[in-house]
C-alpha atoms as a PDB file:
ATOM      1  CA  MET A   1       0.000   0.000   0.000  1.00  0.00           C
ATOM      2  CA  ASP A   2       1.388   3.412  -1.017  1.00  0.00           C
ATOM      3  CA  MET A   3       1.488   5.607   2.117  1.00  0.00           C
ATOM      4  CA  ARG A   4       2.956   8.577   0.273  1.00  0.00           C
ATOM      5  CA  ARG A   5       1.550  11.918   1.440  1.00  0.00           C
ATOM      6  CA  GLY A   6       0.428  14.547  -1.004  1.00  0.00           C
ATOM      7  CA  SER A   7       1.291  18.228  -0.795  1.00  0.00           C
ATOM      8  CA  MET A   8      -2.119  19.218   0.611  1.00  0.00           C
ATOM      9  CA  VAL A   9      -4.498  17.865   3.246  1.00  0.00           C
ATOM     10  CA  SER A  10      -8.162  18.649   3.861  1.00  0.00           C
ATOM     11  CA  THR A  11      -9.376  20.258   7.074  1.00  0.00           C
ATOM     12  CA  SER A  12     -12.207  22.466   8.290  1.00  0.00           C
ATOM     13  CA  VAL A  13     -12.156  25.935   9.801  1.00  0.00           C
ATOM     14  CA  TYR A  14     -14.419  28.456  11.464  1.00  0.00           C
ATOM     15  CA  GLU A  15     -14.232  31.589   9.364  1.00  0.00           C
ATOM     16  CA  VAL A  16     -14.939  34.758  11.324  1.00  0.00           C
ATOM     17  CA  ASP A  17     -15.889  37.936   9.477  1.00  0.00           C
ATOM     18  CA  GLY A  18     -17.050  40.569  11.924  1.00  0.00           C
ATOM     19  CA  ASP A  19     -20.209  39.176  13.533  1.00  0.00           C
ATOM     20  CA  ARG A  20     -20.517  36.374  10.988  1.00  0.00           C
ATOM     21  CA  VAL A  21     -19.152  32.893  11.721  1.00  0.00           C
ATOM     22  CA  ALA A  22     -19.132  30.199   9.052  1.00  0.00           C
ATOM     23  CA  HIS A  23     -17.886  26.622   9.201  1.00  0.00           C
ATOM     24  CA  ARG A  24     -16.323  25.591   5.914  1.00  0.00           C
ATOM     25  CA  PRO A  25     -13.816  23.136   4.420  1.00  0.00           C
ATOM     26  CA  ASP A  26     -10.245  24.243   3.831  1.00  0.00           C
ATOM     27  CA  VAL A  27      -6.907  22.826   2.687  1.00  0.00           C
ATOM     28  CA  LEU A  28      -3.480  23.039   4.312  1.00  0.00           C
ATOM     29  CA  ALA A  29       0.025  22.628   2.932  1.00  0.00           C
ATOM     30  CA  VAL A  30       1.498  19.405   4.307  1.00  0.00           C
ATOM     31  CA  GLU A  31       4.594  19.698   6.479  1.00  0.00           C
ATOM     32  CA  GLU A  32       6.491  16.503   7.275  1.00  0.00           C
ATOM     33  CA  PRO A  33      10.096  15.601   8.090  1.00  0.00           C
ATOM     34  CA  LEU A  34      12.419  14.269   5.435  1.00  0.00           C
ATOM     35  CA  GLU A  35      15.561  12.481   6.544  1.00  0.00           C
ATOM     36  CA  ILE A  36      18.372  12.282   4.001  1.00  0.00           C
ATOM     37  CA  ARG A  37      20.682   9.299   4.448  1.00  0.00           C
ATOM     38  CA  LEU A  38      24.002   8.631   2.751  1.00  0.00           C
ATOM     39  CA  CYS A  39      24.735   5.051   1.697  1.00  0.00           C
ATOM     40  CA  ARG A  40      28.188   3.829   0.665  1.00  0.00           C
ATOM     41  CA  GLY A  41      28.048   0.275   1.896  1.00  0.00           C
ATOM     42  CA  GLY A  42      27.501  -0.627   5.499  1.00  0.00           C
ATOM     43  CA  GLN A  43      25.123   1.299   7.726  1.00  0.00           C
ATOM     44  CA  PRO A  44      23.459   4.396   6.222  1.00  0.00           C
ATOM     45  CA  VAL A  45      24.530   7.720   7.760  1.00  0.00           C
ATOM     46  CA  SER A  46      22.068  10.533   8.356  1.00  0.00           C
ATOM     47  CA  ALA A  47      23.015  13.700   6.461  1.00  0.00           C
ATOM     48  CA  GLY A  48      20.231  15.790   7.947  1.00  0.00           C
ATOM     49  CA  VAL A  49      16.522  16.162   8.574  1.00  0.00           C
ATOM     50  CA  THR A  50      14.423  18.975   7.154  1.00  0.00           C
ATOM     51  CA  MET A  51      10.749  19.833   7.524  1.00  0.00           C
ATOM     52  CA  ARG A  52       9.351  19.935   4.007  1.00  0.00           C
ATOM     53  CA  THR A  53       6.271  19.692   1.811  1.00  0.00           C
ATOM     54  CA  PRO A  54       6.261  16.220   0.196  1.00  0.00           C
ATOM     55  CA  GLY A  55       7.035  16.261  -3.506  1.00  0.00           C
ATOM     56  CA  HIS A  56      10.262  16.418  -5.537  1.00  0.00           C
ATOM     57  CA  ASP A  57      12.007  14.732  -2.605  1.00  0.00           C
ATOM     58  CA  PHE A  58      14.931  13.421  -4.676  1.00  0.00           C
ATOM     59  CA  GLU A  59      15.573  16.919  -6.026  1.00  0.00           C
ATOM     60  CA  LEU A  60      15.447  18.250  -2.477  1.00  0.00           C
ATOM     61  CA  ALA A  61      17.928  15.609  -1.293  1.00  0.00           C
ATOM     62  CA  ALA A  62      20.321  16.259  -4.175  1.00  0.00           C
ATOM     63  CA  GLY A  63      20.061  20.024  -3.801  1.00  0.00           C
ATOM     64  CA  TYR A  64      20.582  19.869  -0.041  1.00  0.00           C
ATOM     65  CA  LEU A  65      23.670  17.670  -0.345  1.00  0.00           C
ATOM     66  CA  PHE A  66      25.120  19.950  -3.018  1.00  0.00           C
ATOM     67  CA  THR A  67      24.426  23.313  -1.380  1.00  0.00           C
ATOM     68  CA  GLU A  68      25.726  22.033   1.970  1.00  0.00           C
ATOM     69  CA  GLY A  69      28.980  20.997   0.290  1.00  0.00           C
ATOM     70  CA  ILE A  70      28.533  17.278   0.973  1.00  0.00           C
ATOM     71  CA  ILE A  71      28.659  16.368  -2.735  1.00  0.00           C
ATOM     72  CA  ARG A  72      30.363  18.303  -5.528  1.00  0.00           C
ATOM     73  CA  ASP A  73      28.728  16.929  -8.653  1.00  0.00           C
ATOM     74  CA  ARG A  74      25.664  14.994  -9.801  1.00  0.00           C
ATOM     75  CA  HIS A  75      28.004  12.152 -10.735  1.00  0.00           C
ATOM     76  CA  ASP A  76      28.754  11.681  -7.025  1.00  0.00           C
ATOM     77  CA  ILE A  77      25.255  10.178  -6.780  1.00  0.00           C
ATOM     78  CA  ASP A  78      24.763   6.653  -8.082  1.00  0.00           C
ATOM     79  CA  HIS A  79      21.031   6.520  -7.382  1.00  0.00           C
ATOM     80  CA  MET A  80      18.381   7.453  -4.829  1.00  0.00           C
ATOM     81  CA  SER A  81      15.459   5.589  -3.324  1.00  0.00           C
ATOM     82  CA  TYR A  82      12.928   5.817  -0.544  1.00  0.00           C
ATOM     83  CA  CYS A  83      13.717   3.705   2.490  1.00  0.00           C
ATOM     84  CA  VAL A  84      11.438   0.694   2.199  1.00  0.00           C
ATOM     85  CA  GLU A  85      12.728  -0.800   5.457  1.00  0.00           C
ATOM     86  CA  ALA A  86      11.153   1.933   7.579  1.00  0.00           C
ATOM     87  CA  SER A  87       7.698   1.738   9.096  1.00  0.00           C
ATOM     88  CA  ALA A  88       4.862   2.150   6.623  1.00  0.00           C
ATOM     89  CA  GLU A  89       4.175   5.691   7.842  1.00  0.00           C
ATOM     90  CA  GLN A  90       7.802   6.760   7.340  1.00  0.00           C
ATOM     91  CA  GLN A  91       8.796   5.033   4.098  1.00  0.00           C
ATOM     92  CA  TYR A  92       8.343   8.181   2.063  1.00  0.00           C
ATOM     93  CA  ASN A  93       9.920  10.420   4.695  1.00  0.00           C
ATOM     94  CA  ILE A  94      13.383   8.868   4.321  1.00  0.00           C
ATOM     95  CA  VAL A  95      15.505   9.139   1.165  1.00  0.00           C
ATOM     96  CA  ASN A  96      18.574   6.956   0.747  1.00  0.00           C
ATOM     97  CA  VAL A  97      21.233   8.561  -1.437  1.00  0.00           C
ATOM     98  CA  TYR A  98      23.697   5.984  -2.749  1.00  0.00           C
ATOM     99  CA  LEU A  99      27.076   7.549  -3.475  1.00  0.00           C
ATOM    100  CA  ARG A 100      29.497   6.224  -6.044  1.00  0.00           C
ATOM    101  CA  PRO A 101      32.583   4.432  -4.717  1.00  0.00           C
ATOM    102  CA  GLY A 102      35.399   6.764  -3.775  1.00  0.00           C
ATOM    103  CA  VAL A 103      33.285   9.861  -3.157  1.00  0.00           C
ATOM    104  CA  PRO A 104      34.794  11.539  -0.072  1.00  0.00           C
ATOM    105  CA  VAL A 105      32.447  12.676   2.687  1.00  0.00           C
ATOM    106  CA  ASP A 106      33.446  15.104   5.420  1.00  0.00           C
ATOM    107  CA  PRO A 107      31.628  14.003   8.611  1.00  0.00           C
ATOM    108  CA  ALA A 108      31.615  17.617   9.845  1.00  0.00           C
ATOM    109  CA  ARG A 109      29.263  18.549   7.017  1.00  0.00           C
ATOM    110  CA  LEU A 110      26.643  15.946   7.860  1.00  0.00           C
ATOM    111  CA  ASP A 111      24.862  18.297  10.231  1.00  0.00           C
ATOM    112  CA  ARG A 112      23.490  21.685   9.235  1.00  0.00           C
ATOM    113  CA  ARG A 113      24.622  23.091  12.607  1.00  0.00           C
ATOM    114  CA  SER A 114      28.279  22.424  11.799  1.00  0.00           C
ATOM    115  CA  PHE A 115      28.159  25.159   9.154  1.00  0.00           C
ATOM    116  CA  VAL A 116      28.331  27.911  11.777  1.00  0.00           C
ATOM    117  CA  ALA A 117      30.049  25.896  14.506  1.00  0.00           C
ATOM    118  CA  SER A 118      33.008  25.145  12.212  1.00  0.00           C
ATOM    119  CA  SER A 119      34.427  28.617  12.774  1.00  0.00           C
ATOM    120  CA  CYS A 120      35.094  30.810  15.791  1.00  0.00           C
ATOM    121  CA  GLY A 121      31.525  31.141  16.995  1.00  0.00           C
ATOM    122  CA  VAL A 122      27.985  32.072  16.098  1.00  0.00           C
ATOM    123  CA  CYS A 123      28.333  35.491  14.461  1.00  0.00           C
ATOM    124  CA  GLY A 124      28.199  37.059  11.020  1.00  0.00           C
ATOM    125  CA  THR A 125      31.956  36.971  10.524  1.00  0.00           C
ATOM    126  CA  ALA A 126      32.059  33.276  11.400  1.00  0.00           C
ATOM    127  CA  SER A 127      29.270  32.496   8.942  1.00  0.00           C
ATOM    128  CA  LEU A 128      30.996  34.308   6.076  1.00  0.00           C
ATOM    129  CA  GLU A 129      34.275  32.588   6.880  1.00  0.00           C
ATOM    130  CA  ALA A 130      32.494  29.212   6.879  1.00  0.00           C
ATOM    131  CA  VAL A 131      31.291  29.920   3.327  1.00  0.00           C
ATOM    132  CA  ARG A 132      34.882  30.529   2.272  1.00  0.00           C
ATOM    133  CA  GLN A 133      36.010  27.339   4.001  1.00  0.00           C
ATOM    134  CA  GLN A 134      33.404  25.451   1.990  1.00  0.00           C
ATOM    135  CA  GLY A 135      35.499  26.274  -1.061  1.00  0.00           C
ATOM    136  CA  LEU A 136      33.101  28.812  -2.559  1.00  0.00           C
ATOM    137  CA  GLY A 137      34.511  31.804  -4.408  1.00  0.00           C
ATOM    138  CA  PRO A 138      33.093  34.865  -6.160  1.00  0.00           C
ATOM    139  CA  VAL A 139      30.484  34.171  -8.835  1.00  0.00           C
ATOM    140  CA  ALA A 140      31.168  34.588 -12.543  1.00  0.00           C
ATOM    141  CA  PRO A 141      30.397  37.972 -14.158  1.00  0.00           C
ATOM    142  CA  GLY A 142      27.085  36.577 -15.341  1.00  0.00           C
ATOM    143  CA  PRO A 143      24.499  38.317 -17.494  1.00  0.00           C
ATOM    144  CA  ARG A 144      23.139  41.843 -17.453  1.00  0.00           C
ATOM    145  CA  VAL A 145      19.368  42.072 -17.124  1.00  0.00           C
ATOM    146  CA  THR A 146      16.983  44.950 -17.626  1.00  0.00           C
ATOM    147  CA  ALA A 147      14.627  46.407 -15.052  1.00  0.00           C
ATOM    148  CA  ALA A 148      11.748  45.483 -17.374  1.00  0.00           C
ATOM    149  CA  VAL A 149      12.730  41.801 -17.200  1.00  0.00           C
ATOM    150  CA  LEU A 150      12.965  41.876 -13.407  1.00  0.00           C
ATOM    151  CA  ALA A 151       9.584  43.595 -13.128  1.00  0.00           C
ATOM    152  CA  ARG A 152       7.869  40.704 -14.940  1.00  0.00           C
ATOM    153  CA  LEU A 153       9.307  37.899 -12.831  1.00  0.00           C
ATOM    154  CA  PRO A 154       6.982  37.994  -9.762  1.00  0.00           C
ATOM    155  CA  ALA A 155       3.853  37.762 -11.939  1.00  0.00           C
ATOM    156  CA  VAL A 156       5.285  34.774 -13.801  1.00  0.00           C
ATOM    157  CA  LEU A 157       6.124  33.079 -10.504  1.00  0.00           C
ATOM    158  CA  ARG A 158       2.608  33.653  -9.132  1.00  0.00           C
ATOM    159  CA  GLU A 159       1.167  31.887 -12.169  1.00  0.00           C
ATOM    160  CA  HIS A 160       3.227  28.807 -11.240  1.00  0.00           C
ATOM    161  CA  GLN A 161       2.355  28.598  -7.531  1.00  0.00           C
ATOM    162  CA  PRO A 162      -0.661  26.251  -7.456  1.00  0.00           C
ATOM    163  CA  LEU A 163      -0.030  25.115  -3.892  1.00  0.00           C
ATOM    164  CA  PHE A 164       0.190  28.689  -2.620  1.00  0.00           C
ATOM    165  CA  ALA A 165      -2.980  29.565  -4.513  1.00  0.00           C
ATOM    166  CA  ARG A 166      -4.838  26.789  -2.682  1.00  0.00           C
ATOM    167  CA  THR A 167      -3.293  27.089   0.790  1.00  0.00           C
ATOM    168  CA  GLY A 168      -1.450  30.412   1.103  1.00  0.00           C
ATOM    169  CA  GLY A 169       1.068  28.527   3.262  1.00  0.00           C
ATOM    170  CA  VAL A 170       4.174  27.850   1.167  1.00  0.00           C
ATOM    171  CA  HIS A 171       7.195  29.608  -0.277  1.00  0.00           C
ATOM    172  CA  ALA A 172       8.432  29.358  -3.849  1.00  0.00           C
ATOM    173  CA  ALA A 173      11.736  29.645  -5.650  1.00  0.00           C
ATOM    174  CA  ALA A 174      12.247  29.929  -9.382  1.00  0.00           C
ATOM    175  CA  VAL A 175      15.145  30.001 -11.817  1.00  0.00           C
ATOM    176  CA  PHE A 176      14.839  32.289 -14.844  1.00  0.00           C
ATOM    177  CA  ASP A 177      17.119  32.964 -17.789  1.00  0.00           C
ATOM    178  CA  PRO A 178      18.365  36.535 -18.464  1.00  0.00           C
ATOM    179  CA  GLU A 179      15.411  37.198 -20.792  1.00  0.00           C
ATOM    180  CA  GLY A 180      12.920  36.334 -18.056  1.00  0.00           C
ATOM    181  CA  ARG A 181      11.938  32.883 -19.331  1.00  0.00           C
ATOM    182  CA  LEU A 182      11.030  30.471 -16.532  1.00  0.00           C
ATOM    183  CA  VAL A 183      13.357  27.466 -16.282  1.00  0.00           C
ATOM    184  CA  VAL A 184      12.079  25.720 -13.128  1.00  0.00           C
ATOM    185  CA  THR A 185      10.042  26.550 -10.050  1.00  0.00           C
ATOM    186  CA  ARG A 186       9.277  24.637  -6.861  1.00  0.00           C
ATOM    187  CA  GLU A 187       7.140  25.240  -3.753  1.00  0.00           C
ATOM    188  CA  ASP A 188       7.678  24.199  -0.137  1.00  0.00           C
ATOM    189  CA  VAL A 189       6.798  25.200   3.415  1.00  0.00           C
ATOM    190  CA  GLY A 190      10.493  26.019   3.861  1.00  0.00           C
ATOM    191  CA  ARG A 191      12.044  28.683   1.651  1.00  0.00           C
ATOM    192  CA  HIS A 192      15.414  26.925   1.926  1.00  0.00           C
ATOM    193  CA  ASN A 193      13.779  23.685   0.752  1.00  0.00           C
ATOM    194  CA  ALA A 194      12.240  25.424  -2.261  1.00  0.00           C
ATOM    195  CA  VAL A 195      15.705  26.691  -3.190  1.00  0.00           C
ATOM    196  CA  ASP A 196      17.252  23.248  -2.687  1.00  0.00           C
ATOM    197  CA  LYS A 197      14.557  21.740  -4.921  1.00  0.00           C
ATOM    198  CA  VAL A 198      15.212  24.054  -7.871  1.00  0.00           C
ATOM    199  CA  ILE A 199      18.977  23.689  -7.481  1.00  0.00           C
ATOM    200  CA  GLY A 200      18.594  19.918  -7.129  1.00  0.00           C
ATOM    201  CA  GLU A 201      16.524  19.788 -10.315  1.00  0.00           C
ATOM    202  CA  ARG A 202      19.225  21.699 -12.203  1.00  0.00           C
ATOM    203  CA  LEU A 203      21.959  19.544 -10.636  1.00  0.00           C
ATOM    204  CA  LEU A 204      20.313  16.291 -11.718  1.00  0.00           C
ATOM    205  CA  ALA A 205      19.764  17.776 -15.193  1.00  0.00           C
ATOM    206  CA  GLY A 206      23.497  18.477 -15.450  1.00  0.00           C
ATOM    207  CA  SER A 207      22.967  22.239 -15.698  1.00  0.00           C
ATOM    208  CA  LEU A 208      25.193  23.533 -12.887  1.00  0.00           C
ATOM    209  CA  PRO A 209      26.748  25.999 -12.378  1.00  0.00           C
ATOM    210  CA  LEU A 210      23.912  28.438 -13.114  1.00  0.00           C
ATOM    211  CA  THR A 211      26.190  31.257 -14.254  1.00  0.00           C
ATOM    212  CA  ASP A 212      23.526  32.920 -16.431  1.00  0.00           C
ATOM    213  CA  ALA A 213      20.561  32.484 -14.099  1.00  0.00           C
ATOM    214  CA  VAL A 214      18.319  34.697 -12.018  1.00  0.00           C
ATOM    215  CA  LEU A 215      16.891  33.209  -8.816  1.00  0.00           C
ATOM    216  CA  LEU A 216      13.588  34.632  -7.577  1.00  0.00           C
ATOM    217  CA  LEU A 217      12.328  34.069  -4.024  1.00  0.00           C
ATOM    218  CA  SER A 218       8.676  34.553  -3.108  1.00  0.00           C
ATOM    219  CA  GLY A 219       9.579  35.884   0.345  1.00  0.00           C
ATOM    220  CA  ARG A 220      12.641  37.338   2.001  1.00  0.00           C
ATOM    221  CA  ALA A 221      16.283  36.676   1.170  1.00  0.00           C
ATOM    222  CA  SER A 222      18.064  35.134   4.143  1.00  0.00           C
ATOM    223  CA  PHE A 223      21.746  34.264   4.495  1.00  0.00           C
ATOM    224  CA  GLU A 224      20.945  30.578   4.120  1.00  0.00           C
ATOM    225  CA  VAL A 225      19.165  30.826   0.765  1.00  0.00           C
ATOM    226  CA  VAL A 226      21.735  33.254  -0.647  1.00  0.00           C
ATOM    227  CA  GLN A 227      24.515  30.869   0.385  1.00  0.00           C
ATOM    228  CA  LYS A 228      22.728  28.110  -1.534  1.00  0.00           C
ATOM    229  CA  ALA A 229      22.489  30.347  -4.595  1.00  0.00           C
ATOM    230  CA  LEU A 230      26.216  31.053  -4.302  1.00  0.00           C
ATOM    231  CA  ALA A 231      26.966  27.320  -4.176  1.00  0.00           C
ATOM    232  CA  ALA A 232      25.062  26.903  -7.448  1.00  0.00           C
ATOM    233  CA  GLY A 233      26.931  29.799  -9.074  1.00  0.00           C
ATOM    234  CA  ILE A 234      23.828  31.981  -9.413  1.00  0.00           C
ATOM    235  CA  PRO A 235      24.915  35.600  -9.917  1.00  0.00           C
ATOM    236  CA  ILE A 236      21.553  37.371  -9.471  1.00  0.00           C
ATOM    237  CA  VAL A 237      19.144  36.790  -6.562  1.00  0.00           C
ATOM    238  CA  CYS A 238      15.826  38.636  -6.354  1.00  0.00           C
ATOM    239  CA  ALA A 239      13.254  38.589  -3.564  1.00  0.00           C
ATOM    240  CA  VAL A 240       9.782  40.076  -3.338  1.00  0.00           C
ATOM    241  CA  SER A 241      10.477  40.933   0.293  1.00  0.00           C
ATOM    242  CA  ALA A 242      13.459  42.170   2.296  1.00  0.00           C
ATOM    243  CA  PRO A 243      16.939  40.705   2.572  1.00  0.00           C
ATOM    244  CA  SER A 244      18.687  40.181   5.880  1.00  0.00           C
ATOM    245  CA  SER A 245      21.843  42.096   6.772  1.00  0.00           C
ATOM    246  CA  LEU A 246      24.002  38.972   6.538  1.00  0.00           C
ATOM    247  CA  ALA A 247      22.532  38.104   3.125  1.00  0.00           C
ATOM    248  CA  VAL A 248      23.596  41.551   1.893  1.00  0.00           C
ATOM    249  CA  ASP A 249      27.078  41.087   3.378  1.00  0.00           C
ATOM    250  CA  LEU A 250      27.399  37.722   1.640  1.00  0.00           C
ATOM    251  CA  THR A 251      26.386  39.013  -1.798  1.00  0.00           C
ATOM    252  CA  ARG A 252      28.752  41.972  -1.546  1.00  0.00           C
ATOM    253  CA  LYS A 253      31.666  39.801  -0.481  1.00  0.00           C
ATOM    254  CA  PHE A 254      31.156  37.254  -3.276  1.00  0.00           C
ATOM    255  CA  GLY A 255      30.207  39.592  -6.122  1.00  0.00           C
ATOM    256  CA  MET A 256      26.524  38.682  -6.389  1.00  0.00           C
ATOM    257  CA  THR A 257      23.627  40.929  -7.331  1.00  0.00           C
ATOM    258  CA  LEU A 258      20.880  41.151  -4.725  1.00  0.00           C
ATOM    259  CA  VAL A 259      17.508  42.750  -5.418  1.00  0.00           C
ATOM    260  CA  GLY A 260      14.854  43.107  -2.721  1.00  0.00           C
ATOM    261  CA  PHE A 261      11.276  44.335  -2.517  1.00  0.00           C
ATOM    262  CA  LEU A 262      10.789  43.415  -6.195  1.00  0.00           C
ATOM    263  CA  ARG A 263       7.226  44.550  -6.815  1.00  0.00           C
ATOM    264  CA  GLY A 264       6.453  45.701 -10.315  1.00  0.00           C
ATOM    265  CA  ASP A 265       8.677  48.562 -11.443  1.00  0.00           C
ATOM    266  CA  ARG A 266       9.916  49.262  -7.922  1.00  0.00           C
ATOM    267  CA  PHE A 267      12.799  47.427  -6.243  1.00  0.00           C
ATOM    268  CA  ASN A 268      15.942  47.978  -4.215  1.00  0.00           C
ATOM    269  CA  VAL A 269      19.404  46.940  -5.407  1.00  0.00           C
ATOM    270  CA  TYR A 270      21.613  46.003  -2.449  1.00  0.00           C
ATOM    271  CA  SER A 271      24.660  44.769  -4.335  1.00  0.00           C
ATOM    272  CA  GLY A 272      25.939  44.084  -7.829  1.00  0.00           C
ATOM    273  CA  ALA A 273      24.164  46.991  -9.518  1.00  0.00           C
ATOM    274  CA  GLU A 274      26.507  46.648 -12.500  1.00  0.00           C
ATOM    275  CA  ARG A 275      24.426  43.713 -13.757  1.00  0.00           C
ATOM    276  CA  LEU A 276      21.338  45.886 -14.146  1.00  0.00           C
ATOM    277  CA  ALA A 277      21.353  47.019 -17.785  1.00  0.00           C
ATOM    278  CA  GLY A 278      19.966  50.353 -18.863  1.00  0.00           C
ATOM    279  CA  ARG A 279      20.423  52.054 -15.511  1.00  0.00           C
ATOM    280  CA  SER A 280      23.147  54.355 -14.214  1.00  0.00           C
ATOM    281  CA  PHE A 281      24.237  53.988 -10.607  1.00  0.00           C
ATOM    282  CA  VAL A 282      26.465  56.551  -8.916  1.00  0.00           C
ATOM    283  CA  THR A 283      29.115  55.078  -6.660  1.00  0.00           C
ATOM    284  CA  HIS A 284      28.788  56.254  -3.089  1.00  0.00           C
ATOM    285  CA  GLU A 285      30.102  55.367   0.333  1.00  0.00           C
ATOM    286  CA  GLU A 286      28.311  52.559   2.135  1.00  0.00           C
ATOM    287  CA  ILE A 287      26.075  53.860   4.907  1.00  0.00           C
END
């Protein structure tokens, strides 16, 4: 019997509108844990657990392992499968990733917490240094895009967010080409998972690094998602909401373009303004 969960589940709610109360059916985005296990002979080793919306789990696993620096290439993966030895309820919440013989694995990278703990402490400087220790360098020059192209991207993304349209409870990430054509989009309750899914899809398709890509986020741009974009070589990251201070620091240090509050013709450019074609930006001292 297939116990696989879908991306939505039915429920019921009391809807209150002023003095009116109505009982009606509703749908929720599913949130369940996914454990990613590495298999190289012998006992599988847990590489991490993330709370995700079921769907595109193999892409999520591949993207997570790549953006966390655990694998370097799609050829490091021999194959993936769900764990059929788990209890019936958990079979589709565990993905076994079988690595090819000889693929090195750093045990320190098998826990998301080690990313910050690997340096001098939990602070912005330590986090940026950890990125450098992961072997990541500045992105390629990448494309130049026009403001008109950027302005169209959020509307295109909204047209490809069916789960958000039904539930209002998920994030989305999308990869576009420099002309604004949609390459891939994924949804998830976790914004970092949505990013891992699109990067995992491109990884498995053999399309990394994404040196000519634009990544659009449906929410804010955090350090974590920008670091994942950097790992994939994405030079331009756009968000419909605000970036965090550490995300801005990261993009400036590694030569990325970061756009926030992208809503129609209005947006803020936090770094990498030279990639925005058709606009003149005057150099000034950082505030």
